[in-house]
């Protein structure tokens, strides 16, 4: 499966199959929340939250790919990511794009 953030794939003619998406809502356990809260006092990178968001993007992407495969897609073009806070310490990540088949 080819995944790109452009609306084309060089050398390929594309038939659009439709919008595909995948999402997840992730949070860290209370212990991580507390230690990351202390980190905001002194500043610096919040590594536990970076890991959480990376895992969430991977899971959302995998779910988007699964949906594309169910349509018989060869690729997903114009892929985008969005995230939003659901509550303190929890975030939703969505990956979406256009499933296409090579002609």
PDB file of N, CA and C in Angstrom:
ATOM      1  N   UNK A   1       0.855  -1.179   0.000  1.00  0.00           N
ATOM      2  CA  UNK A   1       0.000   0.000   0.000  1.00  0.00           C
ATOM      3  C   UNK A   1       0.897   1.238   0.000  1.00  0.00           C
ATOM      4  N   UNK A   2       0.662   2.108  -0.965  1.00  0.00           N
ATOM      5  CA  UNK A   2       1.401   3.366  -1.044  1.00  0.00           C
ATOM      6  C   UNK A   2       0.599   4.443  -0.324  1.00  0.00           C
ATOM      7  N   UNK A   3       1.268   5.200   0.526  1.00  0.00           N
ATOM      8  CA  UNK A   3       0.642   6.287   1.276  1.00  0.00           C
ATOM      9  C   UNK A   3       1.416   7.564   0.976  1.00  0.00           C
ATOM     10  N   UNK A   4       0.736   8.581   0.419  1.00  0.00           N
ATOM     11  CA  UNK A   4       1.405   9.841   0.098  1.00  0.00           C
ATOM     12  C   UNK A   4       0.538  11.025   0.518  1.00  0.00           C
ATOM     13  N   UNK A   5       1.196  12.170   0.714  1.00  0.00           N
ATOM     14  CA  UNK A   5       0.434  13.361   1.070  1.00  0.00           C
ATOM     15  C   UNK A   5       0.212  14.277  -0.137  1.00  0.00           C
ATOM     16  N   UNK A   6       0.497  13.779  -1.337  1.00  0.00           N
ATOM     17  CA  UNK A   6       0.205  14.503  -2.570  1.00  0.00           C
ATOM     18  C   UNK A   6      -1.072  13.941  -3.174  1.00  0.00           C
ATOM     19  N   UNK A   7      -1.628  14.656  -4.161  1.00  0.00           N
ATOM     20  CA  UNK A   7      -2.858  14.153  -4.780  1.00  0.00           C
ATOM     21  C   UNK A   7      -2.580  13.343  -6.041  1.00  0.00           C
ATOM     22  N   UNK A   8      -1.324  12.922  -6.209  1.00  0.00           N
ATOM     23  CA  UNK A   8      -0.934  12.121  -7.364  1.00  0.00           C
ATOM     24  C   UNK A   8       0.196  11.177  -6.964  1.00  0.00           C
ATOM     25  N   UNK A   9       0.430  10.180  -7.802  1.00  0.00           N
ATOM     26  CA  UNK A   9       1.589   9.294  -7.671  1.00  0.00           C
ATOM     27  C   UNK A   9       2.237   9.285  -9.051  1.00  0.00           C
ATOM     28  N   UNK A  10       3.463   9.733  -9.121  1.00  0.00           N
ATOM     29  CA  UNK A  10       4.162   9.865 -10.393  1.00  0.00           C
ATOM     30  C   UNK A  10       4.115   8.563 -11.192  1.00  0.00           C
ATOM     31  N   UNK A  11       3.696   8.697 -12.444  1.00  0.00           N
ATOM     32  CA  UNK A  11       3.664   7.551 -13.340  1.00  0.00           C
ATOM     33  C   UNK A  11       2.430   6.675 -13.217  1.00  0.00           C
ATOM     34  N   UNK A  12       1.475   7.053 -12.393  1.00  0.00           N
ATOM     35  CA  UNK A  12       0.271   6.237 -12.190  1.00  0.00           C
ATOM     36  C   UNK A  12      -0.978   7.042 -12.539  1.00  0.00           C
ATOM     37  N   UNK A  13      -1.925   6.372 -13.202  1.00  0.00           N
ATOM     38  CA  UNK A  13      -3.257   6.943 -13.372  1.00  0.00           C
ATOM     39  C   UNK A  13      -4.120   6.378 -12.260  1.00  0.00           C
ATOM     40  N   UNK A  14      -4.915   7.252 -11.656  1.00  0.00           N
ATOM     41  CA  UNK A  14      -5.653   6.862 -10.460  1.00  0.00           C
ATOM     42  C   UNK A  14      -7.158   6.922 -10.664  1.00  0.00           C
ATOM     43  N   UNK A  15      -7.830   5.934 -10.124  1.00  0.00           N
ATOM     44  CA  UNK A  15      -9.287   5.939 -10.023  1.00  0.00           C
ATOM     45  C   UNK A  15      -9.615   6.146  -8.545  1.00  0.00           C
ATOM     46  N   UNK A  16     -10.351   7.198  -8.242  1.00  0.00           N
ATOM     47  CA  UNK A  16     -10.689   7.495  -6.848  1.00  0.00           C
ATOM     48  C   UNK A  16     -11.786   6.563  -6.359  1.00  0.00           C
ATOM     49  N   UNK A  17     -11.566   5.993  -5.183  1.00  0.00           N
ATOM     50  CA  UNK A  17     -12.546   5.082  -4.595  1.00  0.00           C
ATOM     51  C   UNK A  17     -13.337   5.746  -3.475  1.00  0.00           C
ATOM     52  N   UNK A  18     -12.754   6.755  -2.829  1.00  0.00           N
ATOM     53  CA  UNK A  18     -13.469   7.453  -1.775  1.00  0.00           C
ATOM     54  C   UNK A  18     -12.595   7.778  -0.579  1.00  0.00           C
ATOM     55  N   UNK A  19     -13.180   8.517   0.324  1.00  0.00           N
ATOM     56  CA  UNK A  19     -12.514   8.938   1.553  1.00  0.00           C
ATOM     57  C   UNK A  19     -12.327   7.746   2.486  1.00  0.00           C
ATOM     58  N   UNK A  20     -11.146   7.643   3.060  1.00  0.00           N
ATOM     59  CA  UNK A  20     -10.884   6.631   4.091  1.00  0.00           C
ATOM     60  C   UNK A  20     -10.291   7.340   5.293  1.00  0.00           C
ATOM     61  N   UNK A  21     -10.554   6.789   6.459  1.00  0.00           N
ATOM     62  CA  UNK A  21     -10.033   7.405   7.678  1.00  0.00           C
ATOM     63  C   UNK A  21      -9.811   6.367   8.747  1.00  0.00           C
ATOM     64  N   UNK A  22      -9.003   6.749   9.701  1.00  0.00           N
ATOM     65  CA  UNK A  22      -8.761   5.918  10.871  1.00  0.00           C
ATOM     66  C   UNK A  22      -8.528   6.850  12.040  1.00  0.00           C
ATOM     67  N   UNK A  23      -8.984   6.463  13.203  1.00  0.00           N
ATOM     68  CA  UNK A  23      -8.788   7.331  14.361  1.00  0.00           C
ATOM     69  C   UNK A  23      -8.604   6.518  15.627  1.00  0.00           C
ATOM     70  N   UNK A  24      -8.109   7.190  16.640  1.00  0.00           N
ATOM     71  CA  UNK A  24      -7.954   6.589  17.954  1.00  0.00           C
ATOM     72  C   UNK A  24      -7.950   7.694  18.995  1.00  0.00           C
ATOM     73  N   UNK A  25      -8.290   7.341  20.203  1.00  0.00           N
ATOM     74  CA  UNK A  25      -8.165   8.253  21.339  1.00  0.00           C
ATOM     75  C   UNK A  25      -7.231   7.572  22.325  1.00  0.00           C
ATOM     76  N   UNK A  26      -6.177   8.282  22.698  1.00  0.00           N
ATOM     77  CA  UNK A  26      -5.139   7.713  23.558  1.00  0.00           C
ATOM     78  C   UNK A  26      -4.984   8.551  24.823  1.00  0.00           C
ATOM     79  N   UNK A  27      -4.560   7.903  25.887  1.00  0.00           N
ATOM     80  CA  UNK A  27      -4.206   8.615  27.118  1.00  0.00           C
ATOM     81  C   UNK A  27      -3.081   7.851  27.803  1.00  0.00           C
ATOM     82  N   UNK A  28      -2.422   8.520  28.700  1.00  0.00           N
ATOM     83  CA  UNK A  28      -1.386   7.895  29.521  1.00  0.00           C
ATOM     84  C   UNK A  28      -1.977   7.623  30.907  1.00  0.00           C
ATOM     85  N   UNK A  29      -1.414   6.652  31.600  1.00  0.00           N
ATOM     86  CA  UNK A  29      -1.921   6.341  32.934  1.00  0.00           C
ATOM     87  C   UNK A  29      -1.582   7.475  33.908  1.00  0.00           C
ATOM     88  N   UNK A  30      -2.240   7.502  35.027  1.00  0.00           N
ATOM     89  CA  UNK A  30      -2.147   8.601  35.987  1.00  0.00           C
ATOM     90  C   UNK A  30      -0.708   8.868  36.443  1.00  0.00           C
ATOM     91  N   UNK A  31       0.097   7.822  36.575  1.00  0.00           N
ATOM     92  CA  UNK A  31       1.496   8.007  36.979  1.00  0.00           C
ATOM     93  C   UNK A  31       2.264   8.843  35.973  1.00  0.00           C
ATOM     94  N   UNK A  32       2.068   8.547  34.694  1.00  0.00           N
ATOM     95  CA  UNK A  32       2.731   9.329  33.643  1.00  0.00           C
ATOM     96  C   UNK A  32       2.192  10.750  33.615  1.00  0.00           C
ATOM     97  N   UNK A  33       0.880  10.905  33.818  1.00  0.00           N
ATOM     98  CA  UNK A  33       0.282  12.239  33.845  1.00  0.00           C
ATOM     99  C   UNK A  33       0.922  13.097  34.931  1.00  0.00           C
ATOM    100  N   UNK A  34       1.110  12.513  36.099  1.00  0.00           N
ATOM    101  CA  UNK A  34       1.686  13.265  37.217  1.00  0.00           C
ATOM    102  C   UNK A  34       3.132  13.647  36.921  1.00  0.00           C
ATOM    103  N   UNK A  35       3.934  12.693  36.440  1.00  0.00           N
ATOM    104  CA  UNK A  35       5.343  13.013  36.172  1.00  0.00           C
ATOM    105  C   UNK A  35       5.471  14.022  35.038  1.00  0.00           C
ATOM    106  N   UNK A  36       4.605  13.943  34.033  1.00  0.00           N
ATOM    107  CA  UNK A  36       4.654  14.920  32.945  1.00  0.00           C
ATOM    108  C   UNK A  36       4.185  16.291  33.431  1.00  0.00           C
ATOM    109  N   UNK A  37       3.257  16.301  34.382  1.00  0.00           N
ATOM    110  CA  UNK A  37       2.810  17.565  34.983  1.00  0.00           C
ATOM    111  C   UNK A  37       3.956  18.268  35.697  1.00  0.00           C
ATOM    112  N   UNK A  38       4.777  17.506  36.423  1.00  0.00           N
ATOM    113  CA  UNK A  38       5.955  18.092  37.079  1.00  0.00           C
ATOM    114  C   UNK A  38       6.937  18.626  36.047  1.00  0.00           C
ATOM    115  N   UNK A  39       7.046  17.947  34.934  1.00  0.00           N
ATOM    116  CA  UNK A  39       7.976  18.364  33.889  1.00  0.00           C
ATOM    117  C   UNK A  39       7.600  19.740  33.334  1.00  0.00           C
ATOM    118  N   UNK A  40       6.310  20.068  33.328  1.00  0.00           N
ATOM    119  CA  UNK A  40       5.899  21.370  32.808  1.00  0.00           C
ATOM    120  C   UNK A  40       6.380  22.507  33.706  1.00  0.00           C
ATOM    121  N   UNK A  41       6.678  22.215  34.951  1.00  0.00           N
ATOM    122  CA  UNK A  41       7.176  23.250  35.873  1.00  0.00           C
ATOM    123  C   UNK A  41       8.594  23.657  35.496  1.00  0.00           C
ATOM    124  N   UNK A  42       9.436  22.683  35.169  1.00  0.00           N
ATOM    125  CA  UNK A  42      10.841  22.979  34.864  1.00  0.00           C
ATOM    126  C   UNK A  42      11.093  23.132  33.366  1.00  0.00           C
ATOM    127  N   UNK A  43      10.152  22.716  32.547  1.00  0.00           N
ATOM    128  CA  UNK A  43      10.296  22.842  31.101  1.00  0.00           C
ATOM    129  C   UNK A  43      10.988  21.645  30.488  1.00  0.00           C
ATOM    130  N   UNK A  44      10.941  21.576  29.183  1.00  0.00           N
ATOM    131  CA  UNK A  44      11.580  20.484  28.453  1.00  0.00           C
ATOM    132  C   UNK A  44      10.567  19.629  27.720  1.00  0.00           C
ATOM    133  N   UNK A  45      11.103  18.663  27.025  1.00  0.00           N
ATOM    134  CA  UNK A  45      10.278  17.771  26.205  1.00  0.00           C
ATOM    135  C   UNK A  45       9.464  16.825  27.079  1.00  0.00           C
ATOM    136  N   UNK A  46       8.206  16.640  26.714  1.00  0.00           N
ATOM    137  CA  UNK A  46       7.324  15.702  27.419  1.00  0.00           C
ATOM    138  C   UNK A  46       7.343  14.380  26.656  1.00  0.00           C
ATOM    139  N   UNK A  47       8.361  13.579  26.942  1.00  0.00           N
ATOM    140  CA  UNK A  47       8.611  12.364  26.159  1.00  0.00           C
ATOM    141  C   UNK A  47       7.465  11.363  26.211  1.00  0.00           C
ATOM    142  N   UNK A  48       6.827  11.221  27.352  1.00  0.00           N
ATOM    143  CA  UNK A  48       5.719  10.260  27.456  1.00  0.00           C
ATOM    144  C   UNK A  48       4.582  10.656  26.528  1.00  0.00           C
ATOM    145  N   UNK A  49       4.318  11.953  26.405  1.00  0.00           N
ATOM    146  CA  UNK A  49       3.253  12.405  25.505  1.00  0.00           C
ATOM    147  C   UNK A  49       3.687  12.304  24.044  1.00  0.00           C
ATOM    148  N   UNK A  50       4.962  12.536  23.760  1.00  0.00           N
ATOM    149  CA  UNK A  50       5.466  12.319  22.400  1.00  0.00           C
ATOM    150  C   UNK A  50       5.255  10.874  21.979  1.00  0.00           C
ATOM    151  N   UNK A  51       5.586   9.945  22.872  1.00  0.00           N
ATOM    152  CA  UNK A  51       5.397   8.523  22.594  1.00  0.00           C
ATOM    153  C   UNK A  51       3.925   8.201  22.375  1.00  0.00           C
ATOM    154  N   UNK A  52       3.068   8.783  23.224  1.00  0.00           N
ATOM    155  CA  UNK A  52       1.631   8.542  23.118  1.00  0.00           C
ATOM    156  C   UNK A  52       1.113   9.009  21.755  1.00  0.00           C
ATOM    157  N   UNK A  53       1.532  10.198  21.320  1.00  0.00           N
ATOM    158  CA  UNK A  53       1.047  10.733  20.057  1.00  0.00           C
ATOM    159  C   UNK A  53       1.607   9.944  18.867  1.00  0.00           C
ATOM    160  N   UNK A  54       2.838   9.492  18.973  1.00  0.00           N
ATOM    161  CA  UNK A  54       3.427   8.674  17.910  1.00  0.00           C
ATOM    162  C   UNK A  54       2.671   7.355  17.766  1.00  0.00           C
ATOM    163  N   UNK A  55       2.374   6.718  18.899  1.00  0.00           N
ATOM    164  CA  UNK A  55       1.592   5.478  18.882  1.00  0.00           C
ATOM    165  C   UNK A  55       0.203   5.725  18.294  1.00  0.00           C
ATOM    166  N   UNK A  56      -0.404   6.848  18.658  1.00  0.00           N
ATOM    167  CA  UNK A  56      -1.745   7.173  18.162  1.00  0.00           C
ATOM    168  C   UNK A  56      -1.727   7.398  16.654  1.00  0.00           C
ATOM    169  N   UNK A  57      -0.722   8.101  16.128  1.00  0.00           N
ATOM    170  CA  UNK A  57      -0.626   8.319  14.677  1.00  0.00           C
ATOM    171  C   UNK A  57      -0.454   6.996  13.942  1.00  0.00           C
ATOM    172  N   UNK A  58       0.368   6.110  14.491  1.00  0.00           N
ATOM    173  CA  UNK A  58       0.584   4.804  13.865  1.00  0.00           C
ATOM    174  C   UNK A  58      -0.715   4.006  13.830  1.00  0.00           C
ATOM    175  N   UNK A  59      -1.428   3.977  14.937  1.00  0.00           N
ATOM    176  CA  UNK A  59      -2.686   3.226  15.009  1.00  0.00           C
ATOM    177  C   UNK A  59      -3.725   3.821  14.063  1.00  0.00           C
ATOM    178  N   UNK A  60      -3.851   5.146  14.035  1.00  0.00           N
ATOM    179  CA  UNK A  60      -4.809   5.797  13.135  1.00  0.00           C
ATOM    180  C   UNK A  60      -4.463   5.504  11.675  1.00  0.00           C
ATOM    181  N   UNK A  61      -3.172   5.539  11.342  1.00  0.00           N
ATOM    182  CA  UNK A  61      -2.731   5.238   9.979  1.00  0.00           C
ATOM    183  C   UNK A  61      -3.062   3.800   9.612  1.00  0.00           C
ATOM    184  N   UNK A  62      -2.780   2.870  10.508  1.00  0.00           N
ATOM    185  CA  UNK A  62      -3.083   1.457  10.251  1.00  0.00           C
ATOM    186  C   UNK A  62      -4.575   1.246  10.013  1.00  0.00           C
ATOM    187  N   UNK A  63      -5.409   1.931  10.779  1.00  0.00           N
ATOM    188  CA  UNK A  63      -6.856   1.796  10.605  1.00  0.00           C
ATOM    189  C   UNK A  63      -7.312   2.392   9.278  1.00  0.00           C
ATOM    190  N   UNK A  64      -6.698   3.504   8.872  1.00  0.00           N
ATOM    191  CA  UNK A  64      -7.008   4.102   7.575  1.00  0.00           C
ATOM    192  C   UNK A  64      -6.627   3.142   6.452  1.00  0.00           C
ATOM    193  N   UNK A  65      -5.453   2.537   6.554  1.00  0.00           N
ATOM    194  CA  UNK A  65      -4.988   1.570   5.547  1.00  0.00           C
ATOM    195  C   UNK A  65      -5.924   0.369   5.476  1.00  0.00           C
ATOM    196  N   UNK A  66      -6.356  -0.136   6.621  1.00  0.00           N
ATOM    197  CA  UNK A  66      -7.295  -1.267   6.636  1.00  0.00           C
ATOM    198  C   UNK A  66      -8.584  -0.917   5.895  1.00  0.00           C
ATOM    199  N   UNK A  67      -9.089   0.312   6.113  1.00  0.00           N
ATOM    200  CA  UNK A  67     -10.313   0.734   5.429  1.00  0.00           C
ATOM    201  C   UNK A  67     -10.069   0.824   3.921  1.00  0.00           C
ATOM    202  N   UNK A  68      -8.902   1.340   3.525  1.00  0.00           N
ATOM    203  CA  UNK A  68      -8.562   1.434   2.098  1.00  0.00           C
ATOM    204  C   UNK A  68      -8.471   0.046   1.476  1.00  0.00           C
ATOM    205  N   UNK A  69      -7.840  -0.885   2.166  1.00  0.00           N
ATOM    206  CA  UNK A  69      -7.731  -2.257   1.657  1.00  0.00           C
ATOM    207  C   UNK A  69      -9.103  -2.883   1.464  1.00  0.00           C
ATOM    208  N   UNK A  70     -10.035  -2.588   2.368  1.00  0.00           N
ATOM    209  CA  UNK A  70     -11.377  -3.164   2.251  1.00  0.00           C
ATOM    210  C   UNK A  70     -12.107  -2.646   1.011  1.00  0.00           C
ATOM    211  N   UNK A  71     -11.669  -1.505   0.474  1.00  0.00           N
ATOM    212  CA  UNK A  71     -12.237  -0.966  -0.767  1.00  0.00           C
ATOM    213  C   UNK A  71     -11.492  -1.468  -2.005  1.00  0.00           C
ATOM    214  N   UNK A  72     -10.408  -2.223  -1.797  1.00  0.00           N
ATOM    215  CA  UNK A  72      -9.605  -2.712  -2.905  1.00  0.00           C
ATOM    216  C   UNK A  72      -8.593  -1.693  -3.407  1.00  0.00           C
ATOM    217  N   UNK A  73      -8.220  -0.754  -2.572  1.00  0.00           N
ATOM    218  CA  UNK A  73      -7.303   0.322  -2.967  1.00  0.00           C
ATOM    219  C   UNK A  73      -5.869  -0.178  -3.115  1.00  0.00           C
ATOM    220  N   UNK A  74      -5.140   0.486  -4.005  1.00  0.00           N
ATOM    221  CA  UNK A  74      -3.706   0.257  -4.167  1.00  0.00           C
ATOM    222  C   UNK A  74      -2.897   1.290  -3.395  1.00  0.00           C
ATOM    223  N   UNK A  75      -3.537   2.426  -3.091  1.00  0.00           N
ATOM    224  CA  UNK A  75      -2.822   3.521  -2.425  1.00  0.00           C
ATOM    225  C   UNK A  75      -3.824   4.450  -1.747  1.00  0.00           C
ATOM    226  N   UNK A  76      -3.289   5.314  -0.897  1.00  0.00           N
ATOM    227  CA  UNK A  76      -4.065   6.403  -0.313  1.00  0.00           C
ATOM    228  C   UNK A  76      -3.287   7.680  -0.599  1.00  0.00           C
ATOM    229  N   UNK A  77      -3.968   8.635  -1.255  1.00  0.00           N
ATOM    230  CA  UNK A  77      -3.330   9.900  -1.592  1.00  0.00           C
ATOM    231  C   UNK A  77      -3.920  11.022  -0.750  1.00  0.00           C
ATOM    232  N   UNK A  78      -3.189  12.140  -0.735  1.00  0.00           N
ATOM    233  CA  UNK A  78      -3.649  13.336  -0.042  1.00  0.00           C
ATOM    234  C   UNK A  78      -3.874  13.065   1.453  1.00  0.00           C
ATOM    235  N   UNK A  79      -2.992  12.288   2.058  1.00  0.00           N
ATOM    236  CA  UNK A  79      -3.138  11.894   3.458  1.00  0.00           C
ATOM    237  C   UNK A  79      -2.879  13.093   4.376  1.00  0.00           C
ATOM    238  N   UNK A  80      -3.730  13.235   5.357  1.00  0.00           N
ATOM    239  CA  UNK A  80      -3.617  14.303   6.348  1.00  0.00           C
ATOM    240  C   UNK A  80      -3.842  13.719   7.735  1.00  0.00           C
ATOM    241  N   UNK A  81      -3.309  14.432   8.738  1.00  0.00           N
ATOM    242  CA  UNK A  81      -3.502  14.065  10.140  1.00  0.00           C
ATOM    243  C   UNK A  81      -4.088  15.262  10.879  1.00  0.00           C
ATOM    244  N   UNK A  82      -4.925  14.972  11.848  1.00  0.00           N
ATOM    245  CA  UNK A  82      -5.461  16.010  12.725  1.00  0.00           C
ATOM    246  C   UNK A  82      -5.507  15.435  14.133  1.00  0.00           C
ATOM    247  N   UNK A  83      -5.372  16.300  15.106  1.00  0.00           N
ATOM    248  CA  UNK A  83      -5.485  15.847  16.499  1.00  0.00           C
ATOM    249  C   UNK A  83      -6.215  16.899  17.306  1.00  0.00           C
ATOM    250  N   UNK A  84      -6.815  16.444  18.376  1.00  0.00           N
ATOM    251  CA  UNK A  84      -7.499  17.360  19.283  1.00  0.00           C
ATOM    252  C   UNK A  84      -7.498  16.768  20.682  1.00  0.00           C
ATOM    253  N   UNK A  85      -7.498  17.648  21.651  1.00  0.00           N
ATOM    254  CA  UNK A  85      -7.571  17.219  23.052  1.00  0.00           C
ATOM    255  C   UNK A  85      -9.009  16.842  23.366  1.00  0.00           C
ATOM    256  N   UNK A  86      -9.191  15.691  23.954  1.00  0.00           N
ATOM    257  CA  UNK A  86     -10.518  15.233  24.350  1.00  0.00           C
ATOM    258  C   UNK A  86     -10.778  15.616  25.803  1.00  0.00           C
ATOM    259  N   UNK A  87      -9.750  15.455  26.596  1.00  0.00           N
ATOM    260  CA  UNK A  87      -9.751  15.843  28.007  1.00  0.00           C
ATOM    261  C   UNK A  87      -8.291  15.953  28.416  1.00  0.00           C
ATOM    262  N   UNK A  88      -8.019  16.418  29.604  1.00  0.00           N
ATOM    263  CA  UNK A  88      -6.629  16.551  30.021  1.00  0.00           C
ATOM    264  C   UNK A  88      -5.947  15.188  29.984  1.00  0.00           C
ATOM    265  N   UNK A  89      -4.834  15.106  29.235  1.00  0.00           N
ATOM    266  CA  UNK A  89      -4.071  13.869  29.156  1.00  0.00           C
ATOM    267  C   UNK A  89      -4.572  12.877  28.135  1.00  0.00           C
ATOM    268  N   UNK A  90      -5.605  13.245  27.355  1.00  0.00           N
ATOM    269  CA  UNK A  90      -6.124  12.341  26.323  1.00  0.00           C
ATOM    270  C   UNK A  90      -6.285  13.117  25.025  1.00  0.00           C
ATOM    271  N   UNK A  91      -5.925  12.482  23.926  1.00  0.00           N
ATOM    272  CA  UNK A  91      -6.013  13.138  22.620  1.00  0.00           C
ATOM    273  C   UNK A  91      -6.560  12.183  21.578  1.00  0.00           C
ATOM    274  N   UNK A  92      -7.303  12.749  20.633  1.00  0.00           N
ATOM    275  CA  UNK A  92      -7.768  11.991  19.474  1.00  0.00           C
ATOM    276  C   UNK A  92      -6.849  12.323  18.311  1.00  0.00           C
ATOM    277  N   UNK A  93      -6.491  11.312  17.556  1.00  0.00           N
ATOM    278  CA  UNK A  93      -5.735  11.496  16.322  1.00  0.00           C
ATOM    279  C   UNK A  93      -6.534  10.843  15.212  1.00  0.00           C
ATOM    280  N   UNK A  94      -6.677  11.560  14.103  1.00  0.00           N
ATOM    281  CA  UNK A  94      -7.358  11.008  12.939  1.00  0.00           C
ATOM    282  C   UNK A  94      -6.432  11.137  11.737  1.00  0.00           C
ATOM    283  N   UNK A  95      -6.381  10.081  10.944  1.00  0.00           N
ATOM    284  CA  UNK A  95      -5.650  10.069   9.675  1.00  0.00           C
ATOM    285  C   UNK A  95      -6.712   9.883   8.592  1.00  0.00           C
ATOM    286  N   UNK A  96      -6.611  10.680   7.528  1.00  0.00           N
ATOM    287  CA  UNK A  96      -7.599  10.540   6.462  1.00  0.00           C
ATOM    288  C   UNK A  96      -6.971  10.869   5.108  1.00  0.00           C
ATOM    289  N   UNK A  97      -7.567  10.322   4.071  1.00  0.00           N
ATOM    290  CA  UNK A  97      -7.087  10.547   2.720  1.00  0.00           C
ATOM    291  C   UNK A  97      -8.055   9.943   1.726  1.00  0.00           C
ATOM    292  N   UNK A  98      -7.634   9.904   0.466  1.00  0.00           N
ATOM    293  CA  UNK A  98      -8.466   9.376  -0.609  1.00  0.00           C
ATOM    294  C   UNK A  98      -7.899   8.034  -1.067  1.00  0.00           C
ATOM    295  N   UNK A  99      -8.717   7.003  -0.973  1.00  0.00           N
ATOM    296  CA  UNK A  99      -8.310   5.680  -1.455  1.00  0.00           C
ATOM    297  C   UNK A  99      -8.389   5.687  -2.976  1.00  0.00           C
ATOM    298  N   UNK A 100      -7.361   5.123  -3.613  1.00  0.00           N
ATOM    299  CA  UNK A 100      -7.315   5.083  -5.079  1.00  0.00           C
ATOM    300  C   UNK A 100      -6.889   3.707  -5.560  1.00  0.00           C
ATOM    301  N   UNK A 101      -7.279   3.426  -6.794  1.00  0.00           N
ATOM    302  CA  UNK A 101      -6.876   2.191  -7.466  1.00  0.00           C
ATOM    303  C   UNK A 101      -6.111   2.601  -8.713  1.00  0.00           C
ATOM    304  N   UNK A 102      -5.052   1.862  -9.039  1.00  0.00           N
ATOM    305  CA  UNK A 102      -4.283   2.145 -10.248  1.00  0.00           C
ATOM    306  C   UNK A 102      -5.067   1.661 -11.461  1.00  0.00           C
ATOM    307  N   UNK A 103      -5.074   2.482 -12.497  1.00  0.00           N
ATOM    308  CA  UNK A 103      -5.780   2.126 -13.735  1.00  0.00           C
ATOM    309  C   UNK A 103      -4.799   1.425 -14.673  1.00  0.00           C
TER     310      UNK A 103
END
